[in-house]
Protein backbone atom coordinates (compact mmCIF):
# COMPACT_ATOMS: atom_id res chain seq x y z
CA MET A 1 -0.30 0.02 -0.02
CA LYS A 2 1.36 3.29 -1.21
CA THR A 3 1.91 5.67 1.76
CA PHE A 4 2.10 9.34 2.70
CA GLY A 5 5.70 10.92 3.10
CA ARG A 6 7.33 12.86 5.94
CA ARG A 7 5.25 16.13 4.89
CA GLY A 8 1.93 14.19 4.13
CA ALA A 9 2.11 12.54 7.37
CA PHE A 10 2.76 15.84 9.19
CA TRP A 11 -0.39 17.51 7.98
CA SER A 12 -2.53 14.74 8.41
CA ALA A 13 -1.48 14.61 11.89
CA SER A 14 -2.09 18.67 12.14
CA LEU A 15 -5.72 17.70 10.68
CA VAL A 16 -6.41 15.48 13.53
CA LEU A 17 -5.67 18.37 15.90
CA ALA A 18 -7.88 20.07 14.55
CA LEU A 19 -10.63 17.53 14.46
CA CYS A 20 -10.49 16.92 18.36
CA LEU A 21 -11.01 20.50 18.89
CA TRP A 22 -13.87 20.90 16.54
CA ALA A 23 -15.38 17.62 18.18
CA SER A 24 -14.65 19.50 21.62
CA GLY A 25 -16.60 23.01 20.31
CA ALA A 26 -18.80 22.01 18.15
CA PRO A 27 -22.27 21.46 20.94
CA SER A 28 -21.16 24.87 22.47
CA VAL A 29 -23.14 26.87 20.09
CA LEU A 30 -25.91 24.55 20.70
CA TYR A 31 -25.99 24.38 24.46
CA PRO A 32 -28.80 27.20 24.71
CA ILE A 33 -30.72 25.32 21.99
CA TYR A 34 -30.46 21.95 24.01
CA ALA A 35 -31.52 23.86 27.45
CA ALA A 36 -34.25 25.69 25.85
CA GLU A 37 -35.46 22.45 24.07
CA TRP A 38 -34.97 20.29 27.29
CA GLY A 39 -35.13 22.62 30.33
CA LEU A 40 -31.54 22.35 31.26
CA THR A 41 -29.63 24.44 33.74
CA PRO A 42 -26.11 25.86 33.67
CA ALA A 43 -25.26 23.06 35.70
CA VAL A 44 -26.34 20.53 33.47
CA THR A 45 -25.05 22.01 30.55
CA THR A 46 -21.55 22.69 31.85
CA LEU A 47 -21.55 18.73 33.24
CA VAL A 48 -22.20 17.40 29.96
CA PHE A 49 -19.19 19.90 28.44
CA GLY A 50 -16.99 18.24 31.64
CA MET A 51 -18.00 14.74 30.86
CA TYR A 52 -15.22 15.47 27.74
CA PRO A 53 -12.36 16.30 30.06
CA LEU A 54 -13.49 13.53 32.77
CA ALA A 55 -13.75 10.80 30.18
CA LEU A 56 -10.38 12.08 28.41
CA LEU A 57 -8.40 11.88 31.93
CA VAL A 58 -9.36 8.13 32.30
CA VAL A 59 -8.10 7.18 28.78
CA LEU A 60 -4.92 9.27 29.49
CA PHE A 61 -4.44 7.46 32.49
CA PHE A 62 -4.68 3.95 31.67
CA PHE A 63 -3.76 4.63 27.82
CA GLY A 64 -1.43 7.72 27.49
CA SER A 65 1.84 5.44 26.56
CA ILE A 66 -0.43 3.33 24.21
CA SER A 67 1.00 5.68 21.12
CA ASP A 68 4.58 4.53 22.23
CA THR A 69 4.11 0.91 21.98
CA ILE A 70 1.40 0.21 18.93
CA GLY A 71 2.55 3.07 16.95
CA ARG A 72 1.19 6.44 16.35
CA ARG A 73 -0.89 5.83 13.36
CA ARG A 74 -2.79 3.01 15.22
CA ALA A 75 -3.58 5.42 18.08
CA ILE A 76 -4.93 8.31 15.83
CA LEU A 77 -6.98 5.70 13.71
CA ILE A 78 -8.49 4.53 16.93
CA GLY A 79 -9.15 7.91 17.99
CA VAL A 80 -10.57 9.45 15.30
CA ALA A 81 -13.21 6.54 14.61
CA LEU A 82 -14.52 6.89 18.35
CA ILE A 83 -15.23 10.71 17.57
CA ALA A 84 -16.84 9.46 14.51
CA ALA A 85 -19.54 7.43 16.62
CA SER A 86 -20.02 10.50 18.92
CA ALA A 87 -20.99 12.54 16.22
CA LEU A 88 -24.00 9.72 15.26
CA VAL A 89 -24.43 9.82 18.82
CA PHE A 90 -24.89 13.40 18.69
CA ALA A 91 -27.03 13.53 15.87
CA VAL A 92 -29.72 11.18 16.91
CA ALA A 93 -30.20 12.43 20.62
CA PRO A 94 -33.50 12.54 21.99
CA ASN A 95 -32.51 13.28 25.49
CA VAL A 96 -29.36 14.82 27.44
CA GLY A 97 -28.29 11.06 28.24
CA PHE A 98 -27.50 10.87 24.72
CA LEU A 99 -25.70 14.29 25.04
CA LEU A 100 -23.59 12.63 28.02
CA ALA A 101 -22.20 9.53 26.20
CA GLY A 102 -21.47 11.45 23.14
CA ARG A 103 -19.17 13.65 25.01
CA VAL A 104 -18.13 10.30 26.88
CA LEU A 105 -16.97 9.11 23.04
CA GLN A 106 -15.47 12.69 22.33
CA GLY A 107 -13.33 12.41 25.12
CA VAL A 108 -12.14 8.63 24.71
CA GLY A 109 -11.30 9.57 21.11
CA THR A 110 -9.37 12.41 21.82
CA GLY A 111 -7.48 10.57 24.60
CA PHE A 112 -6.44 8.36 21.96
CA ALA A 113 -5.55 10.72 18.82
CA LEU A 114 -4.39 13.76 20.47
CA GLY A 115 -1.08 12.94 22.04
CA ALA A 116 -0.24 10.50 19.44
CA ALA A 117 -1.11 13.45 16.96
CA SER A 118 1.01 16.08 18.76
CA ALA A 119 4.02 13.59 19.27
CA ALA A 120 3.92 12.63 15.17
CA LEU A 121 3.81 16.15 14.47
CA VAL A 122 7.40 15.92 16.22
CA GLU A 123 8.85 13.19 14.70
CA GLN A 124 7.10 14.30 11.15
CA ASN A 125 8.16 17.62 11.29
CA PHE A 126 10.05 18.05 7.60
CA THR A 127 11.40 21.80 8.59
CA SER A 128 14.36 22.97 10.09
CA ASN A 129 12.39 24.92 12.62
CA PRO A 130 11.99 22.66 15.90
CA ARG A 131 9.36 25.20 17.48
CA LEU A 132 7.27 24.65 14.32
CA PRO A 133 5.08 21.54 15.69
CA SER A 134 4.32 23.53 18.75
CA SER A 135 3.20 26.45 16.96
CA LEU A 136 1.10 24.46 14.58
CA THR A 137 -0.65 22.55 17.67
CA THR A 138 -1.99 25.44 18.62
CA VAL A 139 -2.84 26.65 15.00
CA SER A 140 -4.48 23.41 14.16
CA THR A 141 -6.33 23.54 17.43
CA SER A 142 -7.45 26.91 17.31
CA THR A 143 -8.65 26.24 13.38
CA GLY A 144 -10.92 23.53 14.35
CA LEU A 145 -12.22 25.35 17.46
CA THR A 146 -13.04 28.32 15.17
CA ALA A 147 -14.48 26.48 12.25
CA ALA A 148 -16.69 24.35 14.68
CA LEU A 149 -18.17 27.51 17.01
CA VAL A 150 -18.55 29.43 12.96
CA VAL A 151 -20.17 26.53 11.41
CA SER A 152 -22.29 25.51 14.24
CA GLY A 153 -23.63 28.95 14.38
CA VAL A 154 -24.74 29.00 11.12
CA LEU A 155 -26.10 25.58 11.15
CA ALA A 156 -27.80 26.49 14.26
CA GLN A 157 -29.27 29.75 12.37
CA TYR A 158 -29.96 28.84 9.25
CA ALA A 159 -30.09 24.99 8.30
CA PRO A 160 -33.13 22.67 9.03
CA LEU A 161 -32.50 20.46 11.88
CA PRO A 162 -29.41 21.88 13.38
CA LEU A 163 -29.00 19.37 16.07
CA VAL A 164 -28.45 16.67 13.13
CA VAL A 165 -26.64 18.71 10.41
CA SER A 166 -24.09 19.95 12.43
CA PHE A 167 -22.86 16.84 13.99
CA GLY A 168 -23.23 14.97 10.23
CA VAL A 169 -20.53 17.85 9.25
CA LEU A 170 -18.70 16.47 12.22
CA PHE A 171 -19.13 12.65 10.89
CA ALA A 172 -17.82 13.65 7.55
CA LEU A 173 -14.60 15.79 8.70
CA ALA A 174 -13.47 12.77 10.95
CA ALA A 175 -14.47 10.30 7.91
CA VAL A 176 -11.68 12.28 5.52
CA THR A 177 -9.26 12.68 8.54
CA PHE A 178 -9.41 8.70 8.73
CA ALA A 179 -8.83 8.32 5.40
CA LEU A 180 -5.88 10.29 5.08
CA ASN A 181 -4.13 8.87 8.28
CA TRP A 182 -4.91 5.28 7.35
CA PHE A 183 -2.12 6.56 4.62
CA THR A 184 0.24 7.47 6.55
CA PRO A 185 3.53 5.33 7.73
CA ARG A 186 3.54 2.82 10.34
CA ASP A 187 5.91 4.67 12.11
CA GLY A 188 6.69 4.36 16.16
CA ALA A 189 5.24 0.59 16.46
CA THR A 190 8.04 -1.06 18.99
CA GLY A 191 6.25 -4.60 18.09
CA ARG A 192 5.85 -5.04 21.93
CA SER A 193 1.66 -5.94 23.20
CA TRP A 194 0.74 -3.24 25.22
CA SER A 195 0.34 -3.48 28.59
CA PHE A 196 -1.11 -1.02 31.59
CA ALA A 197 1.51 0.92 33.58
CA ALA A 198 0.88 3.89 35.62
CA PRO A 199 1.72 7.10 34.03
CA ARG A 200 5.14 8.51 34.97
CA LEU A 201 7.77 10.87 34.22
CA PRO A 202 11.23 10.61 32.75
CA GLY A 203 14.17 11.04 34.92
CA GLY A 204 15.37 14.79 35.01
CA MET A 205 11.60 16.48 33.52
CA LEU A 206 9.92 17.25 36.76
CA ARG A 207 10.41 20.86 36.67
CA PRO A 208 9.97 21.71 33.19
CA PHE A 209 6.84 19.43 33.24
CA VAL A 210 5.34 21.29 36.37
CA LEU A 211 5.92 24.50 34.40
CA ALA A 212 4.38 23.32 31.14
CA THR A 213 1.31 21.51 32.61
CA LEU A 214 0.20 24.73 34.94
CA SER A 215 1.01 26.89 31.73
CA VAL A 216 -1.49 24.68 29.29
CA THR A 217 -4.03 24.20 32.39
CA VAL A 218 -4.55 28.12 32.30
CA ALA A 219 -5.09 28.20 28.83
CA TYR A 220 -7.32 24.81 29.15
CA ALA A 221 -9.08 26.60 32.36
CA VAL A 222 -10.01 29.62 31.05
CA GLY A 223 -11.18 28.16 27.76
CA ALA A 224 -13.36 25.85 29.99
CA ILE A 225 -15.31 28.49 31.01
CA PHE A 226 -15.77 30.09 27.64
CA LEU A 227 -16.77 27.16 25.96
CA SER A 228 -19.50 25.82 28.72
CA LEU A 229 -20.68 28.99 29.59
CA GLY A 230 -19.66 31.74 26.80
CA ALA A 231 -22.70 31.15 24.67
CA ASP A 232 -24.94 32.29 27.47
CA MET A 233 -22.70 35.15 28.30
CA ALA A 234 -22.87 36.32 24.58
CA ARG A 235 -26.83 35.38 25.02
CA GLN A 236 -27.29 37.98 27.67
CA LEU A 237 -24.77 40.50 26.90
CA THR A 238 -25.80 40.99 23.16
CA GLY A 239 -29.73 39.95 23.95
CA THR A 240 -30.04 38.04 20.85
CA THR A 241 -30.83 34.48 20.04
CA ASP A 242 -29.09 34.48 16.98
CA ALA A 243 -27.08 31.14 16.84
CA LEU A 244 -24.80 33.04 14.18
CA VAL A 245 -24.10 35.97 16.15
CA ILE A 246 -22.89 34.01 19.14
CA GLY A 247 -20.88 31.68 16.85
CA ILE A 248 -19.43 34.69 15.63
CA LEU A 249 -18.47 36.22 18.63
CA LEU A 250 -16.96 33.03 20.29
CA GLY A 251 -15.10 32.13 17.19
CA THR A 252 -13.10 35.56 17.46
CA SER A 253 -11.19 34.32 20.55
CA SER A 254 -10.23 30.84 18.79
CA LEU A 255 -9.03 32.72 15.80
CA THR A 256 -6.92 35.12 17.80
CA ILE A 257 -5.60 32.03 19.29
CA GLY A 258 -4.73 30.78 16.02
CA VAL A 259 -3.07 33.97 14.39
CA THR A 260 -1.10 34.27 17.62
CA ALA A 261 0.59 31.24 17.54
CA LEU A 262 1.45 31.81 13.83
CA LEU A 263 3.85 34.44 15.43
CA LEU A 264 5.13 32.72 17.71
CA THR A 265 7.49 30.09 15.73
CA ARG A 266 10.33 31.98 16.84
CA VAL A 267 9.45 33.03 20.35
CA PRO A 268 11.32 30.94 22.55
CA ALA A 269 9.16 28.40 25.10
CA HIS A 270 9.98 29.81 28.52
CA THR A 271 9.09 33.38 27.34
CA ALA A 272 5.89 32.36 25.86
CA VAL A 273 4.83 31.21 28.96
CA VAL A 274 5.86 33.94 30.94
CA VAL A 275 3.69 36.41 28.62
CA GLY A 276 1.16 33.91 28.74
CA ALA A 277 0.07 33.89 32.50
CA LEU A 278 0.56 37.80 32.51
CA VAL A 279 -2.17 38.40 29.57
CA SER A 280 -4.17 35.74 30.88
CA ILE A 281 -4.43 38.17 34.22
CA ALA A 282 -5.28 40.68 32.14
CA GLY A 283 -7.77 38.67 30.49
CA LEU A 284 -9.53 37.51 33.40
CA GLY A 285 -10.00 40.95 34.76
CA ILE A 286 -12.01 41.70 31.56
CA MET A 287 -14.20 38.79 31.69
CA ALA A 288 -15.00 39.66 35.13
CA LEU A 289 -15.65 43.41 33.82
CA ALA A 290 -17.79 41.52 31.16
CA SER A 291 -19.70 39.92 33.22
CA ALA A 292 -20.31 42.48 36.05
CA THR A 293 -21.49 45.45 33.31
CA GLY A 294 -23.25 43.62 30.89
CA SER A 295 -20.97 45.14 28.22
CA ILE A 296 -20.63 43.64 24.53
CA ILE A 297 -17.49 45.83 24.17
CA ALA A 298 -15.65 44.38 27.13
CA MET A 299 -17.04 40.78 26.03
CA LEU A 300 -14.97 41.42 22.30
CA ALA A 301 -12.05 42.42 24.56
CA TRP A 302 -12.25 39.15 26.47
CA CYS A 303 -12.42 37.24 23.58
CA LEU A 304 -9.02 38.86 21.90
CA VAL A 305 -6.97 39.17 24.71
CA GLY A 306 -8.06 35.77 26.09
CA GLY A 307 -7.18 34.21 22.97
CA VAL A 308 -3.98 35.90 22.81
CA GLY A 309 -3.09 34.59 26.55
CA TYR A 310 -4.33 30.90 25.59
CA SER A 311 -2.13 31.49 22.17
CA PHE A 312 0.98 31.95 24.36
CA ALA A 313 0.55 29.69 27.43
CA PHE A 314 -0.59 26.79 25.29
CA THR A 315 2.34 26.84 22.74
CA GLY A 316 4.67 28.11 25.11
CA GLY A 317 3.62 24.89 27.62
CA LEU A 318 3.89 22.33 24.75
CA GLY A 319 7.35 24.02 23.52
CA LEU A 320 9.08 23.10 27.16
CA ILE A 321 7.64 19.42 26.94
CA ASN A 322 8.65 19.25 23.29
CA ARG A 323 12.11 19.82 23.92
CA ALA A 324 12.65 18.27 27.15
CA ALA A 325 10.87 14.86 26.45
CA PRO A 326 12.74 11.98 24.89
CA ALA A 327 11.33 10.47 21.83
CA GLN A 328 11.14 7.01 23.23
CA HIS A 329 8.38 8.59 25.86
CA ARG A 330 7.35 11.25 24.00
CA GLY A 331 3.66 10.13 23.52
CA ALA A 332 3.34 9.05 27.62
CA THR A 333 4.87 12.47 28.55
CA LEU A 334 2.72 14.51 26.28
CA SER A 335 -0.44 12.39 27.50
CA LEU A 336 0.49 12.84 30.96
CA LEU A 337 0.76 16.78 30.44
CA TYR A 338 -3.14 16.70 28.68
CA LEU A 339 -3.98 14.71 31.74
CA PHE A 340 -3.21 16.91 34.35
CA SER A 341 -4.55 19.69 31.88
CA TYR A 342 -7.92 18.32 31.32
CA LEU A 343 -8.34 17.64 34.99
CA GLY A 344 -7.92 21.44 35.36
CA GLN A 345 -10.46 21.67 32.35
CA ALA A 346 -12.88 19.90 33.86
CA ILE A 347 -12.53 21.35 37.75
CA ALA A 348 -13.23 24.76 35.91
CA ALA A 349 -16.19 23.70 33.86
CA ILE A 350 -17.99 21.75 36.33
CA GLY A 351 -17.31 24.30 39.07
CA ALA A 352 -17.94 27.46 37.28
CA GLY A 353 -21.67 25.59 36.04
CA ALA A 354 -22.34 24.52 39.78
CA LEU A 355 -21.86 28.49 40.72
CA ALA A 356 -23.61 30.23 37.99
CA THR A 357 -26.81 27.78 38.93
CA SER A 358 -26.59 28.54 42.16
CA ILE A 359 -25.87 32.10 42.77
CA GLY A 360 -25.62 33.58 39.02
CA LEU A 361 -23.58 33.87 36.20
CA PRO A 362 -22.15 37.21 36.98
CA SER A 363 -21.26 36.14 40.42
CA ALA A 364 -19.63 33.06 39.48
CA VAL A 365 -17.40 34.71 36.88
CA GLU A 366 -16.55 36.49 39.52
CA VAL A 367 -15.54 34.02 41.96
CA ALA A 368 -13.78 31.72 39.11
CA ALA A 369 -11.72 35.30 38.00
CA PRO A 370 -9.56 35.49 41.01
CA VAL A 371 -9.14 31.75 41.07
CA LEU A 372 -7.92 31.48 38.08
CA GLY A 373 -5.65 34.64 38.45
CA ILE A 374 -3.74 32.71 41.22
CA LEU A 375 -2.80 29.65 39.12
CA CYS A 376 -1.22 32.58 36.67
CA LEU A 377 0.49 33.82 39.21
CA ALA A 378 1.81 30.13 40.10
CA VAL A 379 3.13 29.62 36.71
CA LEU A 380 5.08 32.92 36.94
CA VAL A 381 6.47 31.64 40.24
CA LEU A 382 7.57 28.35 38.67
CA ALA A 383 8.87 30.02 35.63
CA GLY A 384 11.33 32.09 37.42
CA VAL A 385 11.80 28.75 39.56
CA GLU A 386 12.88 26.91 36.14
CA ARG A 387 14.93 29.90 34.80
CA ALA A 388 17.44 30.28 37.81
CA GLY A 389 17.60 26.29 37.72
CA ALA A 390 18.32 26.20 34.14
CA ARG A 391 21.37 28.62 34.74
CA ARG A 392 22.42 26.44 38.01
CA GLU A 393 22.62 23.41 35.54
CA SER A 394 24.32 25.41 32.59
CA PRO A 395 26.00 28.35 33.58
CA ALA A 396 27.93 29.08 30.67
CA ALA A 397 24.99 28.80 28.04
CA PRO A 398 23.31 31.46 26.86
CA PRO A 399 19.56 32.57 27.92
CA ALA A 400 18.28 31.91 24.30
CA ALA A 401 19.82 28.40 24.14
CA GLU A 402 18.68 27.37 27.94
CA LEU A 403 15.06 28.55 27.21
CA SER A 404 14.23 28.33 23.85
């Protein structure tokens, strides 16, 4: 069977990353429709959202290293097939139980595909720029998320049976992604049968791993509030029920993430982590302002500033890991990073939803903003520790060589 070369495998892996985030974001614009039709509270809709990272956590814990054993291609194909199945479950959903099942399938599928595709980007990088895989991961995921929000908004507003058609589009995209990755090389398989081993870090990686994971967690936690409650916030602030307007408004954030990532291919990972934490703090302040004042201008500013912060934090965190992880453990290390980061996302989404139900959306945002701000401060502190540690270990190396 004729297969793609490195270039084809590289771009096929980037499409997998876009698919994973398309699947994650596909229901976001539709949550208000489900809520109106089935009488769902914010706690229920955020629980539906939260089932995705919770399911993903289970897969990453038990199967996080599987692509290091069976190969990136096989793990990707399993994950993409499960995402396709999730689209069918959503398309026929008669009640919230099907939504929960669909989100579980999305989470399990992403758990298999995400780490494998991220590792494949590093290993199939056909350029001389070692930072390209980290930046392209951010671009791919943000592109998938932007497309999901905008397309779902268009279909929800103008298409017949939008709750069916939206997931028909997701199924078609998953089918194309599966077909393309079928023709990628069978690289990475060790020939050994897979067996469970508790997730663990390779030696000497604890300090960069903790910093990278906290940075990605900042991005994911802020993104969780945006994706689970953003549609309700946009609806309240704009006073519109037009799903296209809401989808475009939310899509500006993910579009900003991708555009920013294109500019980060030459930015050292450590610098990106620090900038991401600082900009995220500013974004959280704007988020609280938007919720408290009901200003649509503040909401748009949050979308833009929050998108820039997400891009720096996520790209920088991945850059640290891609640089430090040994090739034979890269899939397991990336999966472990995603495990802790998605745990933070699940806690943020479910916690914010519970608060929004009990004390109202504006008050919930006022509580969530300072809590996430503390997480950003922790990233800044650890970044200083990492810089000091790197200088002690390599006193003769210039800063750019240490921290890029």
